[in-house]
PDB file of N, CA and C in Angstrom:
ATOM      1  N   GLN A   1      17.344 -20.664  93.841  1.00  0.00           N
ATOM      2  CA  GLN A   1      18.875 -21.745  93.492  1.00  0.00           C
ATOM      3  C   GLN A   1      18.241 -22.533  92.018  1.00  0.00           C
ATOM      4  N   VAL A   2      19.671 -23.024  92.563  1.00  0.00           N
ATOM      5  CA  VAL A   2      20.627 -23.648  91.626  1.00  0.00           C
ATOM      6  C   VAL A   2      21.299 -25.393  92.085  1.00  0.00           C
ATOM      7  N   GLN A   3      20.686 -25.353  91.527  1.00  0.00           N
ATOM      8  CA  GLN A   3      21.634 -27.435  91.607  1.00  0.00           C
ATOM      9  C   GLN A   3      22.140 -27.360  90.429  1.00  0.00           C
ATOM     10  N   LEU A   4      23.569 -28.196  90.859  1.00  0.00           N
ATOM     11  CA  LEU A   4      24.359 -28.378  89.713  1.00  0.00           C
ATOM     12  C   LEU A   4      24.476 -29.749  90.337  1.00  0.00           C
ATOM     13  N   VAL A   5      24.378 -30.885  89.324  1.00  0.00           N
ATOM     14  CA  VAL A   5      24.525 -32.246  89.297  1.00  0.00           C
ATOM     15  C   VAL A   5      26.523 -32.689  88.179  1.00  0.00           C
ATOM     16  N   GLU A   6      27.578 -33.409  88.560  1.00  0.00           N
ATOM     17  CA  GLU A   6      27.976 -33.276  87.885  1.00  0.00           C
ATOM     18  C   GLU A   6      27.506 -34.847  87.493  1.00  0.00           C
ATOM     19  N   SER A   7      28.824 -35.547  86.476  1.00  0.00           N
ATOM     20  CA  SER A   7      28.879 -36.892  86.249  1.00  0.00           C
ATOM     21  C   SER A   7      30.004 -37.137  84.968  1.00  0.00           C
ATOM     22  N   GLY A   8      30.420 -38.130  85.027  1.00  0.00           N
ATOM     23  CA  GLY A   8      31.446 -38.408  83.755  1.00  0.00           C
ATOM     24  C   GLY A   8      32.522 -39.280  84.093  1.00  0.00           C
ATOM     25  N   GLY A   9      32.271 -38.820  86.114  1.00  0.00           N
ATOM     26  CA  GLY A   9      34.409 -39.163  86.287  1.00  0.00           C
ATOM     27  C   GLY A   9      34.574 -40.779  86.419  1.00  0.00           C
ATOM     28  N   GLY A  10      36.517 -40.922  86.613  1.00  0.00           N
ATOM     29  CA  GLY A  10      35.875 -42.518  86.439  1.00  0.00           C
ATOM     30  C   GLY A  10      37.625 -42.341  86.605  1.00  0.00           C
ATOM     31  N   LEU A  11      37.790 -43.713  86.286  1.00  0.00           N
ATOM     32  CA  LEU A  11      39.521 -43.830  85.999  1.00  0.00           C
ATOM     33  C   LEU A  11      40.212 -44.730  84.891  1.00  0.00           C
ATOM     34  N   VAL A  12      41.124 -43.512  84.589  1.00  0.00           N
ATOM     35  CA  VAL A  12      41.642 -44.020  83.200  1.00  0.00           C
ATOM     36  C   VAL A  12      42.384 -43.892  83.264  1.00  0.00           C
ATOM     37  N   GLN A  13      43.703 -44.466  82.007  1.00  0.00           N
ATOM     38  CA  GLN A  13      45.237 -44.531  82.451  1.00  0.00           C
ATOM     39  C   GLN A  13      45.505 -43.161  81.916  1.00  0.00           C
ATOM     40  N   ALA A  14      46.707 -42.914  82.115  1.00  0.00           N
ATOM     41  CA  ALA A  14      47.515 -41.578  81.856  1.00  0.00           C
ATOM     42  C   ALA A  14      47.039 -41.398  80.064  1.00  0.00           C
ATOM     43  N   GLY A  15      47.147 -39.928  79.701  1.00  0.00           N
ATOM     44  CA  GLY A  15      46.979 -40.770  77.774  1.00  0.00           C
ATOM     45  C   GLY A  15      45.820 -40.572  78.121  1.00  0.00           C
ATOM     46  N   GLY A  16      45.189 -41.079  78.217  1.00  0.00           N
ATOM     47  CA  GLY A  16      43.429 -41.037  78.225  1.00  0.00           C
ATOM     48  C   GLY A  16      42.717 -39.420  78.193  1.00  0.00           C
ATOM     49  N   SER A  17      41.422 -39.756  77.960  1.00  0.00           N
ATOM     50  CA  SER A  17      40.699 -39.239  78.154  1.00  0.00           C
ATOM     51  C   SER A  17      38.798 -38.846  79.226  1.00  0.00           C
ATOM     52  N   LEU A  18      38.196 -38.248  79.349  1.00  0.00           N
ATOM     53  CA  LEU A  18      37.108 -38.024  79.531  1.00  0.00           C
ATOM     54  C   LEU A  18      36.595 -36.889  79.669  1.00  0.00           C
ATOM     55  N   ARG A  19      34.811 -37.361  79.773  1.00  0.00           N
ATOM     56  CA  ARG A  19      34.428 -35.942  79.661  1.00  0.00           C
ATOM     57  C   ARG A  19      33.119 -35.823  80.778  1.00  0.00           C
ATOM     58  N   LEU A  20      33.192 -34.700  81.374  1.00  0.00           N
ATOM     59  CA  LEU A  20      32.560 -34.826  82.113  1.00  0.00           C
ATOM     60  C   LEU A  20      31.622 -33.819  81.340  1.00  0.00           C
ATOM     61  N   SER A  21      30.140 -33.459  82.488  1.00  0.00           N
ATOM     62  CA  SER A  21      29.214 -32.514  82.127  1.00  0.00           C
ATOM     63  C   SER A  21      28.146 -32.680  83.579  1.00  0.00           C
ATOM     64  N   CYS A  22      27.913 -31.185  83.699  1.00  0.00           N
ATOM     65  CA  CYS A  22      27.772 -30.707  84.752  1.00  0.00           C
ATOM     66  C   CYS A  22      26.230 -30.395  84.431  1.00  0.00           C
ATOM     67  N   ALA A  23      25.282 -31.083  84.710  1.00  0.00           N
ATOM     68  CA  ALA A  23      23.873 -30.088  84.461  1.00  0.00           C
ATOM     69  C   ALA A  23      22.846 -30.061  85.682  1.00  0.00           C
ATOM     70  N   ALA A  24      22.454 -28.938  85.204  1.00  0.00           N
ATOM     71  CA  ALA A  24      22.353 -27.725  85.942  1.00  0.00           C
ATOM     72  C   ALA A  24      20.414 -27.440  85.264  1.00  0.00           C
ATOM     73  N   SER A  25      19.787 -27.062  87.365  1.00  0.00           N
ATOM     74  CA  SER A  25      18.384 -27.295  87.069  1.00  0.00           C
ATOM     75  C   SER A  25      17.838 -26.062  88.516  1.00  0.00           C
ATOM     76  N   GLY A  26      17.228 -25.674  87.930  1.00  0.00           N
ATOM     77  CA  GLY A  26      16.728 -24.618  89.607  1.00  0.00           C
ATOM     78  C   GLY A  26      16.556 -22.818  88.741  1.00  0.00           C
ATOM     79  N   ARG A  27      17.077 -22.099  89.189  1.00  0.00           N
ATOM     80  CA  ARG A  27      16.755 -20.497  88.493  1.00  0.00           C
ATOM     81  C   ARG A  27      18.375 -20.518  87.261  1.00  0.00           C
ATOM     82  N   THR A  28      18.299 -21.317  86.678  1.00  0.00           N
ATOM     83  CA  THR A  28      19.585 -21.604  85.636  1.00  0.00           C
ATOM     84  C   THR A  28      19.677 -20.251  85.510  1.00  0.00           C
ATOM     85  N   SER A  29      18.995 -19.011  85.409  1.00  0.00           N
ATOM     86  CA  SER A  29      19.145 -17.905  84.828  1.00  0.00           C
ATOM     87  C   SER A  29      20.716 -17.709  85.353  1.00  0.00           C
ATOM     88  N   SER A  30      20.819 -17.794  86.569  1.00  0.00           N
ATOM     89  CA  SER A  30      21.931 -17.219  87.500  1.00  0.00           C
ATOM     90  C   SER A  30      23.315 -18.640  86.831  1.00  0.00           C
ATOM     91  N   THR A  31      23.061 -18.860  86.139  1.00  0.00           N
ATOM     92  CA  THR A  31      24.477 -19.540  85.731  1.00  0.00           C
ATOM     93  C   THR A  31      25.222 -19.081  83.924  1.00  0.00           C
ATOM     94  N   TYR A  32      25.225 -17.780  84.130  1.00  0.00           N
ATOM     95  CA  TYR A  32      25.863 -16.770  83.577  1.00  0.00           C
ATOM     96  C   TYR A  32      27.040 -17.772  83.037  1.00  0.00           C
ATOM     97  N   THR A  33      27.543 -17.771  83.633  1.00  0.00           N
ATOM     98  CA  THR A  33      29.138 -18.037  84.144  1.00  0.00           C
ATOM     99  C   THR A  33      29.907 -18.857  84.950  1.00  0.00           C
ATOM    100  N   MET A  34      29.843 -20.010  84.298  1.00  0.00           N
ATOM    101  CA  MET A  34      30.281 -21.936  84.456  1.00  0.00           C
ATOM    102  C   MET A  34      31.442 -22.178  84.890  1.00  0.00           C
ATOM    103  N   GLY A  35      31.765 -22.517  85.360  1.00  0.00           N
ATOM    104  CA  GLY A  35      33.310 -22.817  85.629  1.00  0.00           C
ATOM    105  C   GLY A  35      33.326 -24.821  86.298  1.00  0.00           C
ATOM    106  N   TRP A  36      34.547 -25.063  86.623  1.00  0.00           N
ATOM    107  CA  TRP A  36      35.122 -26.194  86.536  1.00  0.00           C
ATOM    108  C   TRP A  36      36.175 -26.062  87.713  1.00  0.00           C
ATOM    109  N   ILE A  37      35.657 -26.358  88.533  1.00  0.00           N
ATOM    110  CA  ILE A  37      37.206 -26.273  89.468  1.00  0.00           C
ATOM    111  C   ILE A  37      37.510 -28.018  90.211  1.00  0.00           C
ATOM    112  N   ARG A  38      38.986 -27.995  90.590  1.00  0.00           N
ATOM    113  CA  ARG A  38      39.246 -29.554  90.951  1.00  0.00           C
ATOM    114  C   ARG A  38      40.020 -29.300  92.508  1.00  0.00           C
ATOM    115  N   GLN A  39      39.960 -30.070  93.143  1.00  0.00           N
ATOM    116  CA  GLN A  39      40.722 -30.480  94.128  1.00  0.00           C
ATOM    117  C   GLN A  39      41.173 -31.780  94.585  1.00  0.00           C
ATOM    118  N   ALA A  40      42.971 -31.808  94.570  1.00  0.00           N
ATOM    119  CA  ALA A  40      43.768 -32.884  94.923  1.00  0.00           C
ATOM    120  C   ALA A  40      43.865 -33.282  95.939  1.00  0.00           C
ATOM    121  N   PRO A  41      43.792 -34.023  96.088  1.00  0.00           N
ATOM    122  CA  PRO A  41      44.011 -34.637  97.781  1.00  0.00           C
ATOM    123  C   PRO A  41      45.177 -33.818  98.794  1.00  0.00           C
ATOM    124  N   GLY A  42      45.214 -33.563  99.473  1.00  0.00           N
ATOM    125  CA  GLY A  42      45.267 -32.980 100.391  1.00  0.00           C
ATOM    126  C   GLY A  42      46.528 -31.152  99.651  1.00  0.00           C
ATOM    127  N   LYS A  43      45.279 -30.824  98.991  1.00  0.00           N
ATOM    128  CA  LYS A  43      45.372 -29.587  98.284  1.00  0.00           C
ATOM    129  C   LYS A  43      44.601 -28.245  98.644  1.00  0.00           C
ATOM    130  N   GLU A  44      43.994 -27.494  98.461  1.00  0.00           N
ATOM    131  CA  GLU A  44      43.339 -26.706  97.524  1.00  0.00           C
ATOM    132  C   GLU A  44      42.973 -26.827  96.826  1.00  0.00           C
ATOM    133  N   ARG A  45      41.428 -25.770  96.892  1.00  0.00           N
ATOM    134  CA  ARG A  45      40.851 -25.452  95.217  1.00  0.00           C
ATOM    135  C   ARG A  45      41.481 -25.374  93.871  1.00  0.00           C
ATOM    136  N   GLU A  46      41.161 -25.467  92.842  1.00  0.00           N
ATOM    137  CA  GLU A  46      42.190 -24.933  92.101  1.00  0.00           C
ATOM    138  C   GLU A  46      41.017 -24.544  90.767  1.00  0.00           C
ATOM    139  N   PHE A  47      41.119 -23.645  89.855  1.00  0.00           N
ATOM    140  CA  PHE A  47      40.097 -23.817  88.675  1.00  0.00           C
ATOM    141  C   PHE A  47      40.276 -24.260  87.727  1.00  0.00           C
ATOM    142  N   VAL A  48      40.179 -24.473  86.957  1.00  0.00           N
ATOM    143  CA  VAL A  48      40.572 -25.112  85.548  1.00  0.00           C
ATOM    144  C   VAL A  48      39.833 -24.796  84.324  1.00  0.00           C
ATOM    145  N   ALA A  49      38.682 -23.992  84.625  1.00  0.00           N
ATOM    146  CA  ALA A  49      38.554 -23.410  83.188  1.00  0.00           C
ATOM    147  C   ALA A  49      36.837 -23.793  83.625  1.00  0.00           C
ATOM    148  N   ALA A  50      36.353 -21.900  82.746  1.00  0.00           N
ATOM    149  CA  ALA A  50      35.669 -21.256  83.253  1.00  0.00           C
ATOM    150  C   ALA A  50      34.385 -20.817  81.344  1.00  0.00           C
ATOM    151  N   ILE A  51      33.129 -20.715  81.488  1.00  0.00           N
ATOM    152  CA  ILE A  51      32.647 -20.496  79.917  1.00  0.00           C
ATOM    153  C   ILE A  51      31.551 -19.195  80.278  1.00  0.00           C
ATOM    154  N   ARG A  52      31.676 -18.522  80.049  1.00  0.00           N
ATOM    155  CA  ARG A  52      30.213 -17.417  79.509  1.00  0.00           C
ATOM    156  C   ARG A  52      29.205 -18.318  78.971  1.00  0.00           C
ATOM    157  N   TRP A  53      27.790 -17.275  79.391  1.00  0.00           N
ATOM    158  CA  TRP A  53      26.915 -18.107  78.614  1.00  0.00           C
ATOM    159  C   TRP A  53      26.687 -18.218  77.110  1.00  0.00           C
ATOM    160  N   SER A  54      27.689 -16.918  76.296  1.00  0.00           N
ATOM    161  CA  SER A  54      27.502 -17.404  75.229  1.00  0.00           C
ATOM    162  C   SER A  54      28.266 -18.442  74.740  1.00  0.00           C
ATOM    163  N   GLY A  55      28.656 -18.464  75.527  1.00  0.00           N
ATOM    164  CA  GLY A  55      29.940 -19.955  74.775  1.00  0.00           C
ATOM    165  C   GLY A  55      31.289 -19.570  74.076  1.00  0.00           C
ATOM    166  N   LEU A  56      31.421 -18.653  73.896  1.00  0.00           N
ATOM    167  CA  LEU A  56      32.383 -17.954  73.037  1.00  0.00           C
ATOM    168  C   LEU A  56      33.418 -17.492  73.939  1.00  0.00           C
ATOM    169  N   SER A  57      33.330 -16.873  74.977  1.00  0.00           N
ATOM    170  CA  SER A  57      33.895 -16.677  75.782  1.00  0.00           C
ATOM    171  C   SER A  57      35.115 -17.155  76.974  1.00  0.00           C
ATOM    172  N   THR A  58      35.879 -18.257  76.620  1.00  0.00           N
ATOM    173  CA  THR A  58      36.651 -19.408  77.726  1.00  0.00           C
ATOM    174  C   THR A  58      37.545 -19.540  78.506  1.00  0.00           C
ATOM    175  N   TYR A  59      37.452 -19.785  79.089  1.00  0.00           N
ATOM    176  CA  TYR A  59      38.888 -19.306  80.299  1.00  0.00           C
ATOM    177  C   TYR A  59      39.434 -21.052  80.916  1.00  0.00           C
ATOM    178  N   TYR A  60      40.690 -20.921  80.587  1.00  0.00           N
ATOM    179  CA  TYR A  60      41.654 -21.681  80.925  1.00  0.00           C
ATOM    180  C   TYR A  60      42.950 -21.615  82.342  1.00  0.00           C
ATOM    181  N   ALA A  61      42.819 -22.593  82.905  1.00  0.00           N
ATOM    182  CA  ALA A  61      44.079 -22.049  83.866  1.00  0.00           C
ATOM    183  C   ALA A  61      45.725 -22.818  83.333  1.00  0.00           C
ATOM    184  N   ASP A  62      46.545 -22.217  82.876  1.00  0.00           N
ATOM    185  CA  ASP A  62      47.432 -22.425  82.285  1.00  0.00           C
ATOM    186  C   ASP A  62      47.539 -24.081  81.685  1.00  0.00           C
ATOM    187  N   SER A  63      47.852 -24.929  83.049  1.00  0.00           N
ATOM    188  CA  SER A  63      48.171 -26.499  82.180  1.00  0.00           C
ATOM    189  C   SER A  63      47.177 -26.799  81.996  1.00  0.00           C
ATOM    190  N   MET A  64      46.197 -26.422  81.827  1.00  0.00           N
ATOM    191  CA  MET A  64      44.584 -27.400  81.321  1.00  0.00           C
ATOM    192  C   MET A  64      45.063 -26.670  79.673  1.00  0.00           C
ATOM    193  N   LYS A  65      45.128 -25.612  79.333  1.00  0.00           N
ATOM    194  CA  LYS A  65      45.274 -25.290  78.052  1.00  0.00           C
ATOM    195  C   LYS A  65      46.356 -26.415  76.859  1.00  0.00           C
ATOM    196  N   GLY A  66      44.888 -26.028  76.019  1.00  0.00           N
ATOM    197  CA  GLY A  66      44.977 -27.690  74.814  1.00  0.00           C
ATOM    198  C   GLY A  66      45.449 -28.625  75.148  1.00  0.00           C
ATOM    199  N   ARG A  67      44.789 -28.963  76.636  1.00  0.00           N
ATOM    200  CA  ARG A  67      44.456 -30.435  77.595  1.00  0.00           C
ATOM    201  C   ARG A  67      42.851 -30.730  77.385  1.00  0.00           C
ATOM    202  N   PHE A  68      42.227 -29.275  78.360  1.00  0.00           N
ATOM    203  CA  PHE A  68      40.904 -29.168  78.557  1.00  0.00           C
ATOM    204  C   PHE A  68      40.089 -28.951  77.351  1.00  0.00           C
ATOM    205  N   THR A  69      38.742 -28.419  77.256  1.00  0.00           N
ATOM    206  CA  THR A  69      38.524 -28.119  76.372  1.00  0.00           C
ATOM    207  C   THR A  69      36.352 -28.095  77.319  1.00  0.00           C
ATOM    208  N   ILE A  70      35.883 -26.762  77.470  1.00  0.00           N
ATOM    209  CA  ILE A  70      34.643 -26.276  78.356  1.00  0.00           C
ATOM    210  C   ILE A  70      34.155 -25.985  77.315  1.00  0.00           C
ATOM    211  N   SER A  71      32.501 -26.437  77.391  1.00  0.00           N
ATOM    212  CA  SER A  71      31.550 -26.164  76.910  1.00  0.00           C
ATOM    213  C   SER A  71      30.346 -26.546  77.817  1.00  0.00           C
ATOM    214  N   ARG A  72      29.521 -25.580  76.842  1.00  0.00           N
ATOM    215  CA  ARG A  72      28.503 -25.400  76.691  1.00  0.00           C
ATOM    216  C   ARG A  72      26.719 -25.627  76.101  1.00  0.00           C
ATOM    217  N   ASP A  73      26.296 -26.096  76.442  1.00  0.00           N
ATOM    218  CA  ASP A  73      24.802 -26.383  75.716  1.00  0.00           C
ATOM    219  C   ASP A  73      23.416 -25.732  77.107  1.00  0.00           C
ATOM    220  N   ASN A  74      23.089 -24.922  76.299  1.00  0.00           N
ATOM    221  CA  ASN A  74      22.406 -23.808  76.982  1.00  0.00           C
ATOM    222  C   ASN A  74      20.882 -24.473  77.504  1.00  0.00           C
ATOM    223  N   ALA A  75      20.666 -25.102  75.694  1.00  0.00           N
ATOM    224  CA  ALA A  75      19.272 -25.842  75.744  1.00  0.00           C
ATOM    225  C   ALA A  75      19.414 -26.418  76.614  1.00  0.00           C
ATOM    226  N   LYS A  76      20.359 -27.369  77.057  1.00  0.00           N
ATOM    227  CA  LYS A  76      20.421 -28.457  77.950  1.00  0.00           C
ATOM    228  C   LYS A  76      20.307 -28.356  79.127  1.00  0.00           C
ATOM    229  N   ASN A  77      20.988 -26.448  79.478  1.00  0.00           N
ATOM    230  CA  ASN A  77      21.236 -26.385  80.527  1.00  0.00           C
ATOM    231  C   ASN A  77      22.417 -27.664  81.587  1.00  0.00           C
ATOM    232  N   THR A  78      23.434 -27.409  80.217  1.00  0.00           N
ATOM    233  CA  THR A  78      24.300 -28.483  81.273  1.00  0.00           C
ATOM    234  C   THR A  78      26.210 -28.168  80.435  1.00  0.00           C
ATOM    235  N   VAL A  79      27.127 -28.141  81.362  1.00  0.00           N
ATOM    236  CA  VAL A  79      28.420 -27.375  80.499  1.00  0.00           C
ATOM    237  C   VAL A  79      28.953 -29.369  80.623  1.00  0.00           C
ATOM    238  N   TYR A  80      30.167 -29.123  79.804  1.00  0.00           N
ATOM    239  CA  TYR A  80      30.740 -30.053  79.509  1.00  0.00           C
ATOM    240  C   TYR A  80      32.436 -29.725  79.692  1.00  0.00           C
ATOM    241  N   LEU A  81      32.995 -30.646  79.820  1.00  0.00           N
ATOM    242  CA  LEU A  81      34.947 -30.434  80.276  1.00  0.00           C
ATOM    243  C   LEU A  81      34.864 -31.514  79.673  1.00  0.00           C
ATOM    244  N   GLN A  82      35.829 -31.349  78.238  1.00  0.00           N
ATOM    245  CA  GLN A  82      36.547 -32.509  77.240  1.00  0.00           C
ATOM    246  C   GLN A  82      37.810 -32.679  77.988  1.00  0.00           C
ATOM    247  N   MET A  83      38.161 -33.785  78.564  1.00  0.00           N
ATOM    248  CA  MET A  83      39.992 -33.928  79.183  1.00  0.00           C
ATOM    249  C   MET A  83      40.291 -34.782  78.126  1.00  0.00           C
ATOM    250  N   ASN A  84      41.754 -34.514  77.731  1.00  0.00           N
ATOM    251  CA  ASN A  84      42.642 -35.101  76.977  1.00  0.00           C
ATOM    252  C   ASN A  84      43.773 -35.344  77.040  1.00  0.00           C
ATOM    253  N   SER A  85      44.664 -35.804  77.382  1.00  0.00           N
ATOM    254  CA  SER A  85      46.106 -36.089  77.235  1.00  0.00           C
ATOM    255  C   SER A  85      45.958 -36.063  78.995  1.00  0.00           C
ATOM    256  N   LEU A  86      45.251 -36.956  79.377  1.00  0.00           N
ATOM    257  CA  LEU A  86      44.758 -36.922  80.833  1.00  0.00           C
ATOM    258  C   LEU A  86      46.240 -37.456  82.283  1.00  0.00           C
ATOM    259  N   LYS A  87      47.017 -36.554  83.436  1.00  0.00           N
ATOM    260  CA  LYS A  87      48.069 -36.934  83.095  1.00  0.00           C
ATOM    261  C   LYS A  87      47.961 -37.204  84.939  1.00  0.00           C
ATOM    262  N   PRO A  88      48.150 -37.796  85.474  1.00  0.00           N
ATOM    263  CA  PRO A  88      48.393 -38.930  87.076  1.00  0.00           C
ATOM    264  C   PRO A  88      47.923 -37.058  87.996  1.00  0.00           C
ATOM    265  N   GLU A  89      48.320 -36.368  88.075  1.00  0.00           N
ATOM    266  CA  GLU A  89      48.719 -35.355  88.270  1.00  0.00           C
ATOM    267  C   GLU A  89      47.004 -34.484  88.536  1.00  0.00           C
ATOM    268  N   ASP A  90      46.731 -34.938  87.760  1.00  0.00           N
ATOM    269  CA  ASP A  90      45.090 -34.584  87.269  1.00  0.00           C
ATOM    270  C   ASP A  90      43.852 -34.884  87.959  1.00  0.00           C
ATOM    271  N   THR A  91      44.625 -35.900  88.666  1.00  0.00           N
ATOM    272  CA  THR A  91      43.258 -36.453  90.093  1.00  0.00           C
ATOM    273  C   THR A  91      43.230 -36.137  91.100  1.00  0.00           C
ATOM    274  N   ALA A  92      41.635 -35.956  90.841  1.00  0.00           N
ATOM    275  CA  ALA A  92      41.342 -35.016  91.880  1.00  0.00           C
ATOM    276  C   ALA A  92      39.405 -34.942  92.034  1.00  0.00           C
ATOM    277  N   VAL A  93      39.051 -34.161  92.912  1.00  0.00           N
ATOM    278  CA  VAL A  93      37.953 -34.018  92.324  1.00  0.00           C
ATOM    279  C   VAL A  93      37.609 -32.657  92.005  1.00  0.00           C
ATOM    280  N   TYR A  94      36.532 -32.516  90.904  1.00  0.00           N
ATOM    281  CA  TYR A  94      35.907 -31.740  89.676  1.00  0.00           C
ATOM    282  C   TYR A  94      34.779 -31.569  89.846  1.00  0.00           C
ATOM    283  N   TYR A  95      34.802 -30.052  90.171  1.00  0.00           N
ATOM    284  CA  TYR A  95      33.624 -29.649  91.087  1.00  0.00           C
ATOM    285  C   TYR A  95      33.302 -28.917  90.104  1.00  0.00           C
ATOM    286  N   CYS A  96      31.790 -29.217  89.868  1.00  0.00           N
ATOM    287  CA  CYS A  96      31.026 -27.359  88.285  1.00  0.00           C
ATOM    288  C   CYS A  96      30.715 -26.593  89.676  1.00  0.00           C
ATOM    289  N   ALA A  97      30.665 -25.052  88.899  1.00  0.00           N
ATOM    290  CA  ALA A  97      30.246 -23.900  89.660  1.00  0.00           C
ATOM    291  C   ALA A  97      29.577 -23.157  88.879  1.00  0.00           C
ATOM    292  N   GLY A  98      28.552 -22.679  89.676  1.00  0.00           N
ATOM    293  CA  GLY A  98      27.850 -21.514  88.836  1.00  0.00           C
ATOM    294  C   GLY A  98      27.907 -20.810  89.418  1.00  0.00           C
ATOM    295  N   ARG A  99      27.523 -19.151  88.580  1.00  0.00           N
ATOM    296  CA  ARG A  99      28.052 -17.196  89.254  1.00  0.00           C
ATOM    297  C   ARG A  99      26.361 -16.649  87.976  1.00  0.00           C
ATOM    298  N   GLY A 100      25.633 -15.954  88.892  1.00  0.00           N
ATOM    299  CA  GLY A 100      24.981 -14.451  87.670  1.00  0.00           C
ATOM    300  C   GLY A 100      26.073 -13.807  86.940  1.00  0.00           C
ATOM    301  N   LEU A 101      25.792 -12.699  87.394  1.00  0.00           N
ATOM    302  CA  LEU A 101      26.065 -11.616  86.220  1.00  0.00           C
ATOM    303  C   LEU A 101      26.821 -10.741  87.611  1.00  0.00           C
ATOM    304  N   SER A 102      26.999 -11.576  88.122  1.00  0.00           N
ATOM    305  CA  SER A 102      28.348 -11.092  89.673  1.00  0.00           C
ATOM    306  C   SER A 102      29.615 -10.437  89.009  1.00  0.00           C
ATOM    307  N   GLY A 103      30.540  -9.441  89.076  1.00  0.00           N
ATOM    308  CA  GLY A 103      31.434  -9.203  88.233  1.00  0.00           C
ATOM    309  C   GLY A 103      32.633  -9.688  88.958  1.00  0.00           C
ATOM    310  N   GLY A 104      34.001  -9.086  88.506  1.00  0.00           N
ATOM    311  CA  GLY A 104      35.122 -10.476  90.019  1.00  0.00           C
ATOM    312  C   GLY A 104      35.873 -11.321  88.285  1.00  0.00           C
ATOM    313  N   SER A 105      37.105 -11.523  88.793  1.00  0.00           N
ATOM    314  CA  SER A 105      37.841 -12.165  88.097  1.00  0.00           C
ATOM    315  C   SER A 105      37.478 -13.312  87.635  1.00  0.00           C
ATOM    316  N   VAL A 106      36.538 -14.723  86.588  1.00  0.00           N
ATOM    317  CA  VAL A 106      36.239 -16.214  86.400  1.00  0.00           C
ATOM    318  C   VAL A 106      37.304 -16.916  87.812  1.00  0.00           C
ATOM    319  N   TYR A 107      38.551 -16.175  87.361  1.00  0.00           N
ATOM    320  CA  TYR A 107      39.341 -17.342  87.987  1.00  0.00           C
ATOM    321  C   TYR A 107      39.343 -17.402  89.757  1.00  0.00           C
ATOM    322  N   SER A 108      37.927 -16.359  90.409  1.00  0.00           N
ATOM    323  CA  SER A 108      38.463 -16.485  91.657  1.00  0.00           C
ATOM    324  C   SER A 108      36.913 -17.444  92.017  1.00  0.00           C
ATOM    325  N   LEU A 109      38.473 -18.091  92.581  1.00  0.00           N
ATOM    326  CA  LEU A 109      36.717 -19.289  93.401  1.00  0.00           C
ATOM    327  C   LEU A 109      35.910 -18.409  94.305  1.00  0.00           C
ATOM    328  N   GLY A 110      35.446 -17.512  94.678  1.00  0.00           N
ATOM    329  CA  GLY A 110      34.897 -16.987  96.197  1.00  0.00           C
ATOM    330  C   GLY A 110      33.920 -16.139  95.937  1.00  0.00           C
ATOM    331  N   THR A 111      34.106 -16.090  93.981  1.00  0.00           N
ATOM    332  CA  THR A 111      33.024 -15.513  93.012  1.00  0.00           C
ATOM    333  C   THR A 111      32.283 -16.729  92.920  1.00  0.00           C
ATOM    334  N   TYR A 112      32.304 -17.477  92.801  1.00  0.00           N
ATOM    335  CA  TYR A 112      30.998 -18.333  92.310  1.00  0.00           C
ATOM    336  C   TYR A 112      29.734 -18.691  93.767  1.00  0.00           C
ATOM    337  N   ASP A 113      28.256 -19.049  93.041  1.00  0.00           N
ATOM    338  CA  ASP A 113      27.295 -18.300  94.220  1.00  0.00           C
ATOM    339  C   ASP A 113      27.348 -20.394  94.223  1.00  0.00           C
ATOM    340  N   TYR A 114      27.126 -20.955  92.821  1.00  0.00           N
ATOM    341  CA  TYR A 114      26.860 -22.230  93.667  1.00  0.00           C
ATOM    342  C   TYR A 114      27.842 -22.865  92.849  1.00  0.00           C
ATOM    343  N   TRP A 115      27.047 -24.747  93.771  1.00  0.00           N
ATOM    344  CA  TRP A 115      28.907 -25.456  93.396  1.00  0.00           C
ATOM    345  C   TRP A 115      27.539 -26.912  93.654  1.00  0.00           C
ATOM    346  N   GLY A 116      28.038 -28.000  92.552  1.00  0.00           N
ATOM    347  CA  GLY A 116      28.063 -29.369  93.061  1.00  0.00           C
ATOM    348  C   GLY A 116      28.906 -30.323  93.503  1.00  0.00           C
ATOM    349  N   GLN A 117      28.341 -31.249  93.476  1.00  0.00           N
ATOM    350  CA  GLN A 117      29.041 -32.121  94.547  1.00  0.00           C
ATOM    351  C   GLN A 117      30.366 -32.513  94.163  1.00  0.00           C
ATOM    352  N   GLY A 118      30.832 -33.000  93.577  1.00  0.00           N
ATOM    353  CA  GLY A 118      32.312 -33.104  92.470  1.00  0.00           C
ATOM    354  C   GLY A 118      31.273 -34.650  92.136  1.00  0.00           C
ATOM    355  N   THR A 119      32.846 -35.104  91.046  1.00  0.00           N
ATOM    356  CA  THR A 119      32.749 -36.216  90.620  1.00  0.00           C
ATOM    357  C   THR A 119      33.980 -36.355  90.452  1.00  0.00           C
ATOM    358  N   GLN A 120      34.728 -37.891  90.969  1.00  0.00           N
ATOM    359  CA  GLN A 120      35.749 -38.437  90.929  1.00  0.00           C
ATOM    360  C   GLN A 120      36.957 -38.622  89.882  1.00  0.00           C
ATOM    361  N   VAL A 121      37.779 -37.625  89.702  1.00  0.00           N
ATOM    362  CA  VAL A 121      38.334 -38.207  88.546  1.00  0.00           C
ATOM    363  C   VAL A 121      40.194 -38.372  88.457  1.00  0.00           C
ATOM    364  N   THR A 122      40.567 -39.953  88.560  1.00  0.00           N
ATOM    365  CA  THR A 122      41.616 -40.816  88.567  1.00  0.00           C
ATOM    366  C   THR A 122      42.365 -40.979  88.204  1.00  0.00           C
ATOM    367  N   VAL A 123      43.445 -40.587  87.727  1.00  0.00           N
ATOM    368  CA  VAL A 123      44.374 -40.780  86.758  1.00  0.00           C
ATOM    369  C   VAL A 123      45.798 -42.517  87.228  1.00  0.00           C
ATOM    370  N   SER A 124      45.553 -43.205  86.351  1.00  0.00           N
ATOM    371  CA  SER A 124      46.597 -44.018  87.053  1.00  0.00           C
ATOM    372  C   SER A 124      47.351 -43.891  85.364  1.00  0.00           C
ATOM    373  N   SER A 125      48.883 -44.275  86.189  1.00  0.00           N
ATOM    374  CA  SER A 125      50.980 -43.659  85.569  1.00  0.00           C
ATOM    375  C   SER A 125      50.388 -45.124  84.769  1.00  0.00           C
TER     376      SER A 125
END
């Protein structure tokens, strides 16, 4: 089992920045790929970004490219999401998710085995 705990959410003005963190514990060998997924009020969950174990392969949803950066520190079992130039439409609960060496697209939410409880990000206009 893997436990994921997000932190770093909060209220920020449009144009501001936040950095989310996700600390993993337990069988962290099952966190080969880590991702961030978000869910805005009244909307489906959507993929934000993902990163492989090496940190060399990263993936982003088109609307986040250039504004968000995912990174990881395997020594600390922690994944980060740096969010810059935030917009009101980025308001959502942000979830950290992890999976092992399973196949399937990293963009597919159903391929993630472990999920955190989420952290709220609110961007005011």
